[in-house]
Amino acid sequence: MNAPGTCVDCGNEAYIQLAGENQAMICAHCFATRGRPKRADATPTRETAPAQARSAK
């Protein structure tokens, strides 16, 4: 089976295309070791908002 790309980290077959990185490809193993980046633009949800903000409503 032919992979659509080559992993930019290790050179193995890659199936995951990274957004915002010149369409670089990465394999599942390297993707898992990178971890998930935290979103800076995320809006606080009821679970993550401070208790003071929830009681102000």
PDB file of N, CA and C in Angstrom:
ATOM      1  N   MET A   1       0.846  -1.173   0.000  1.00  0.00           N
ATOM      2  CA  MET A   1       0.000   0.000   0.000  1.00  0.00           C
ATOM      3  C   MET A   1       0.896   1.242   0.000  1.00  0.00           C
ATOM      4  N   ASN A   2       0.582   2.176  -0.842  1.00  0.00           N
ATOM      5  CA  ASN A   2       1.379   3.394  -0.950  1.00  0.00           C
ATOM      6  C   ASN A   2       0.803   4.483  -0.065  1.00  0.00           C
ATOM      7  N   ALA A   3       1.642   5.045   0.769  1.00  0.00           N
ATOM      8  CA  ALA A   3       1.235   6.133   1.647  1.00  0.00           C
ATOM      9  C   ALA A   3       1.201   7.435   0.838  1.00  0.00           C
ATOM     10  N   PRO A   4       0.335   8.364   1.237  1.00  0.00           N
ATOM     11  CA  PRO A   4       0.259   9.629   0.508  1.00  0.00           C
ATOM     12  C   PRO A   4       1.452  10.553   0.740  1.00  0.00           C
ATOM     13  N   GLY A   5       2.280  10.255   1.742  1.00  0.00           N
ATOM     14  CA  GLY A   5       3.427  11.115   1.992  1.00  0.00           C
ATOM     15  C   GLY A   5       4.466  10.446   2.862  1.00  0.00           C
ATOM     16  N   THR A   6       5.517  11.199   3.182  1.00  0.00           N
ATOM     17  CA  THR A   6       6.605  10.729   4.031  1.00  0.00           C
ATOM     18  C   THR A   6       6.648  11.598   5.274  1.00  0.00           C
ATOM     19  N   CYS A   7       6.843  10.978   6.420  1.00  0.00           N
ATOM     20  CA  CYS A   7       6.872  11.688   7.699  1.00  0.00           C
ATOM     21  C   CYS A   7       8.060  12.653   7.733  1.00  0.00           C
ATOM     22  N   VAL A   8       7.783  13.900   8.107  1.00  0.00           N
ATOM     23  CA  VAL A   8       8.849  14.898   8.186  1.00  0.00           C
ATOM     24  C   VAL A   8       9.748  14.662   9.394  1.00  0.00           C
ATOM     25  N   ASP A   9       9.288  13.889  10.380  1.00  0.00           N
ATOM     26  CA  ASP A   9      10.086  13.629  11.578  1.00  0.00           C
ATOM     27  C   ASP A   9      10.991  12.409  11.438  1.00  0.00           C
ATOM     28  N   CYS A  10      10.427  11.282  10.962  1.00  0.00           N
ATOM     29  CA  CYS A  10      11.201  10.041  10.951  1.00  0.00           C
ATOM     30  C   CYS A  10      11.397   9.425   9.568  1.00  0.00           C
ATOM     31  N   GLY A  11      10.659   9.881   8.565  1.00  0.00           N
ATOM     32  CA  GLY A  11      10.833   9.365   7.215  1.00  0.00           C
ATOM     33  C   GLY A  11       9.968   8.162   6.875  1.00  0.00           C
ATOM     34  N   ASN A  12       9.151   7.679   7.815  1.00  0.00           N
ATOM     35  CA  ASN A  12       8.256   6.552   7.543  1.00  0.00           C
ATOM     36  C   ASN A  12       7.055   7.015   6.721  1.00  0.00           C
ATOM     37  N   GLU A  13       6.188   6.058   6.366  1.00  0.00           N
ATOM     38  CA  GLU A  13       4.969   6.387   5.638  1.00  0.00           C
ATOM     39  C   GLU A  13       4.088   7.285   6.498  1.00  0.00           C
ATOM     40  N   ALA A  14       3.520   8.324   5.889  1.00  0.00           N
ATOM     41  CA  ALA A  14       2.722   9.290   6.631  1.00  0.00           C
ATOM     42  C   ALA A  14       1.323   9.405   6.040  1.00  0.00           C
ATOM     43  N   TYR A  15       0.330   9.479   6.930  1.00  0.00           N
ATOM     44  CA  TYR A  15      -1.059   9.597   6.508  1.00  0.00           C
ATOM     45  C   TYR A  15      -1.733  10.821   7.120  1.00  0.00           C
ATOM     46  N   ILE A  16      -1.061  11.553   8.017  1.00  0.00           N
ATOM     47  CA  ILE A  16      -1.645  12.702   8.704  1.00  0.00           C
ATOM     48  C   ILE A  16      -1.015  13.963   8.134  1.00  0.00           C
ATOM     49  N   GLN A  17      -1.872  14.866   7.630  1.00  0.00           N
ATOM     50  CA  GLN A  17      -1.382  16.121   7.076  1.00  0.00           C
ATOM     51  C   GLN A  17      -1.536  17.211   8.138  1.00  0.00           C
ATOM     52  N   LEU A  18      -0.445  17.894   8.447  1.00  0.00           N
ATOM     53  CA  LEU A  18      -0.461  18.945   9.450  1.00  0.00           C
ATOM     54  C   LEU A  18      -0.948  20.250   8.843  1.00  0.00           C
ATOM     55  N   ALA A  19      -1.803  20.945   9.582  1.00  0.00           N
ATOM     56  CA  ALA A  19      -2.313  22.237   9.115  1.00  0.00           C
ATOM     57  C   ALA A  19      -1.315  23.331   9.446  1.00  0.00           C
ATOM     58  N   GLY A  20      -1.164  24.268   8.567  1.00  0.00           N
ATOM     59  CA  GLY A  20      -0.335  25.431   8.806  1.00  0.00           C
ATOM     60  C   GLY A  20       1.157  25.187   8.755  1.00  0.00           C
ATOM     61  N   GLU A  21       1.584  24.061   8.282  1.00  0.00           N
ATOM     62  CA  GLU A  21       3.012  23.773   8.201  1.00  0.00           C
ATOM     63  C   GLU A  21       3.383  23.373   6.777  1.00  0.00           C
ATOM     64  N   ASN A  22       2.998  24.181   5.827  1.00  0.00           N
ATOM     65  CA  ASN A  22       3.273  23.907   4.410  1.00  0.00           C
ATOM     66  C   ASN A  22       2.820  22.519   3.991  1.00  0.00           C
ATOM     67  N   GLN A  23       1.727  22.072   4.560  1.00  0.00           N
ATOM     68  CA  GLN A  23       1.116  20.791   4.237  1.00  0.00           C
ATOM     69  C   GLN A  23       2.065  19.627   4.458  1.00  0.00           C
ATOM     70  N   ALA A  24       2.844  19.692   5.525  1.00  0.00           N
ATOM     71  CA  ALA A  24       3.760  18.609   5.871  1.00  0.00           C
ATOM     72  C   ALA A  24       2.969  17.392   6.326  1.00  0.00           C
ATOM     73  N   MET A  25       3.533  16.221   6.101  1.00  0.00           N
ATOM     74  CA  MET A  25       2.901  14.963   6.490  1.00  0.00           C
ATOM     75  C   MET A  25       3.661  14.379   7.680  1.00  0.00           C
ATOM     76  N   ILE A  26       2.930  13.624   8.509  1.00  0.00           N
ATOM     77  CA  ILE A  26       3.532  13.011   9.687  1.00  0.00           C
ATOM     78  C   ILE A  26       2.888  11.637   9.906  1.00  0.00           C
ATOM     79  N   CYS A  27       3.667  10.694  10.444  1.00  0.00           N
ATOM     80  CA  CYS A  27       3.126   9.354  10.704  1.00  0.00           C
ATOM     81  C   CYS A  27       2.386   9.366  12.046  1.00  0.00           C
ATOM     82  N   ALA A  28       1.603   8.341  12.291  1.00  0.00           N
ATOM     83  CA  ALA A  28       0.804   8.260  13.517  1.00  0.00           C
ATOM     84  C   ALA A  28       1.680   8.178  14.759  1.00  0.00           C
ATOM     85  N   HIS A  29       2.803   7.482  14.674  1.00  0.00           N
ATOM     86  CA  HIS A  29       3.694   7.349  15.828  1.00  0.00           C
ATOM     87  C   HIS A  29       4.258   8.708  16.239  1.00  0.00           C
ATOM     88  N   CYS A  30       4.761   9.468  15.301  1.00  0.00           N
ATOM     89  CA  CYS A  30       5.320  10.789  15.611  1.00  0.00           C
ATOM     90  C   CYS A  30       4.223  11.759  16.041  1.00  0.00           C
ATOM     91  N   PHE A  31       3.046  11.633  15.473  1.00  0.00           N
ATOM     92  CA  PHE A  31       1.924  12.483  15.870  1.00  0.00           C
ATOM     93  C   PHE A  31       1.572  12.252  17.333  1.00  0.00           C
ATOM     94  N   ALA A  32       1.574  10.998  17.759  1.00  0.00           N
ATOM     95  CA  ALA A  32       1.245  10.659  19.146  1.00  0.00           C
ATOM     96  C   ALA A  32       2.307  11.166  20.117  1.00  0.00           C
ATOM     97  N   THR A  33       3.577  11.138  19.705  1.00  0.00           N
ATOM     98  CA  THR A  33       4.638  11.581  20.605  1.00  0.00           C
ATOM     99  C   THR A  33       4.711  13.099  20.712  1.00  0.00           C
ATOM    100  N   ARG A  34       4.166  13.813  19.739  1.00  0.00           N
ATOM    101  CA  ARG A  34       4.170  15.278  19.794  1.00  0.00           C
ATOM    102  C   ARG A  34       3.201  15.810  20.837  1.00  0.00           C
ATOM    103  N   GLY A  35       2.136  15.077  21.120  1.00  0.00           N
ATOM    104  CA  GLY A  35       1.134  15.557  22.059  1.00  0.00           C
ATOM    105  C   GLY A  35       0.220  16.573  21.400  1.00  0.00           C
ATOM    106  N   ARG A  36      -0.846  16.902  22.080  1.00  0.00           N
ATOM    107  CA  ARG A  36      -1.808  17.851  21.540  1.00  0.00           C
ATOM    108  C   ARG A  36      -1.464  19.260  21.991  1.00  0.00           C
ATOM    109  N   PRO A  37      -1.372  20.191  21.070  1.00  0.00           N
ATOM    110  CA  PRO A  37      -1.104  21.575  21.470  1.00  0.00           C
ATOM    111  C   PRO A  37      -2.337  22.182  22.130  1.00  0.00           C
ATOM    112  N   LYS A  38      -2.110  23.090  23.071  1.00  0.00           N
ATOM    113  CA  LYS A  38      -3.227  23.779  23.716  1.00  0.00           C
ATOM    114  C   LYS A  38      -3.661  24.923  22.827  1.00  0.00           C
ATOM    115  N   ARG A  39      -4.966  25.090  22.701  1.00  0.00           N
ATOM    116  CA  ARG A  39      -5.499  26.159  21.862  1.00  0.00           C
ATOM    117  C   ARG A  39      -5.533  27.450  22.652  1.00  0.00           C
ATOM    118  N   ALA A  40      -4.866  28.453  22.178  1.00  0.00           N
ATOM    119  CA  ALA A  40      -4.810  29.737  22.855  1.00  0.00           C
ATOM    120  C   ALA A  40      -6.108  30.511  22.673  1.00  0.00           C
ATOM    121  N   ASP A  41      -6.831  30.244  21.601  1.00  0.00           N
ATOM    122  CA  ASP A  41      -8.047  30.998  21.313  1.00  0.00           C
ATOM    123  C   ASP A  41      -9.312  30.314  21.819  1.00  0.00           C
ATOM    124  N   ALA A  42      -9.178  29.295  22.629  1.00  0.00           N
ATOM    125  CA  ALA A  42     -10.341  28.567  23.118  1.00  0.00           C
ATOM    126  C   ALA A  42     -11.151  29.422  24.083  1.00  0.00           C
ATOM    127  N   THR A  43     -12.462  29.378  23.932  1.00  0.00           N
ATOM    128  CA  THR A  43     -13.364  30.091  24.823  1.00  0.00           C
ATOM    129  C   THR A  43     -13.621  29.223  26.051  1.00  0.00           C
ATOM    130  N   PRO A  44     -13.557  29.802  27.260  1.00  0.00           N
ATOM    131  CA  PRO A  44     -13.815  28.993  28.453  1.00  0.00           C
ATOM    132  C   PRO A  44     -15.226  28.404  28.425  1.00  0.00           C
ATOM    133  N   THR A  45     -15.327  27.172  28.816  1.00  0.00           N
ATOM    134  CA  THR A  45     -16.625  26.515  28.889  1.00  0.00           C
ATOM    135  C   THR A  45     -17.101  26.519  30.325  1.00  0.00           C
ATOM    136  N   ARG A  46     -18.275  26.011  30.540  1.00  0.00           N
ATOM    137  CA  ARG A  46     -18.826  25.962  31.887  1.00  0.00           C
ATOM    138  C   ARG A  46     -17.895  25.197  32.824  1.00  0.00           C
ATOM    139  N   GLU A  47     -17.262  24.136  32.318  1.00  0.00           N
ATOM    140  CA  GLU A  47     -16.380  23.325  33.155  1.00  0.00           C
ATOM    141  C   GLU A  47     -15.059  24.025  33.457  1.00  0.00           C
ATOM    142  N   THR A  48     -14.575  24.860  32.527  1.00  0.00           N
ATOM    143  CA  THR A  48     -13.272  25.482  32.713  1.00  0.00           C
ATOM    144  C   THR A  48     -13.349  26.924  33.197  1.00  0.00           C
ATOM    145  N   ALA A  49     -14.541  27.530  33.184  1.00  0.00           N
ATOM    146  CA  ALA A  49     -14.677  28.912  33.620  1.00  0.00           C
ATOM    147  C   ALA A  49     -14.561  28.986  35.149  1.00  0.00           C
ATOM    148  N   PRO A  50     -13.999  30.084  35.653  1.00  0.00           N
ATOM    149  CA  PRO A  50     -13.898  30.230  37.112  1.00  0.00           C
ATOM    150  C   PRO A  50     -15.288  30.254  37.768  1.00  0.00           C
ATOM    151  N   ALA A  51     -15.360  29.814  39.000  1.00  0.00           N
ATOM    152  CA  ALA A  51     -16.624  29.730  39.727  1.00  0.00           C
ATOM    153  C   ALA A  51     -17.275  31.098  39.864  1.00  0.00           C
ATOM    154  N   GLN A  52     -16.491  32.162  39.994  1.00  0.00           N
ATOM    155  CA  GLN A  52     -17.050  33.510  40.131  1.00  0.00           C
ATOM    156  C   GLN A  52     -17.818  33.902  38.892  1.00  0.00           C
ATOM    157  N   ALA A  53     -17.308  33.568  37.720  1.00  0.00           N
ATOM    158  CA  ALA A  53     -17.978  33.918  36.485  1.00  0.00           C
ATOM    159  C   ALA A  53     -19.295  33.158  36.348  1.00  0.00           C
ATOM    160  N   ARG A  54     -19.338  31.931  36.806  1.00  0.00           N
ATOM    161  CA  ARG A  54     -20.560  31.143  36.714  1.00  0.00           C
ATOM    162  C   ARG A  54     -21.618  31.677  37.663  1.00  0.00           C
ATOM    163  N   SER A  55     -21.233  32.126  38.858  1.00  0.00           N
ATOM    164  CA  SER A  55     -22.223  32.590  39.821  1.00  0.00           C
ATOM    165  C   SER A  55     -22.704  34.008  39.504  1.00  0.00           C
ATOM    166  N   ALA A  56     -22.016  34.721  38.631  1.00  0.00           N
ATOM    167  CA  ALA A  56     -22.411  36.083  38.298  1.00  0.00           C
ATOM    168  C   ALA A  56     -23.631  36.129  37.396  1.00  0.00           C
ATOM    169  N   LYS A  57     -23.965  35.038  36.780  1.00  0.00           N
ATOM    170  CA  LYS A  57     -25.099  35.007  35.853  1.00  0.00           C
ATOM    171  C   LYS A  57     -26.375  35.015  36.559  1.00  0.00           C
TER     172      LYS A  57
END
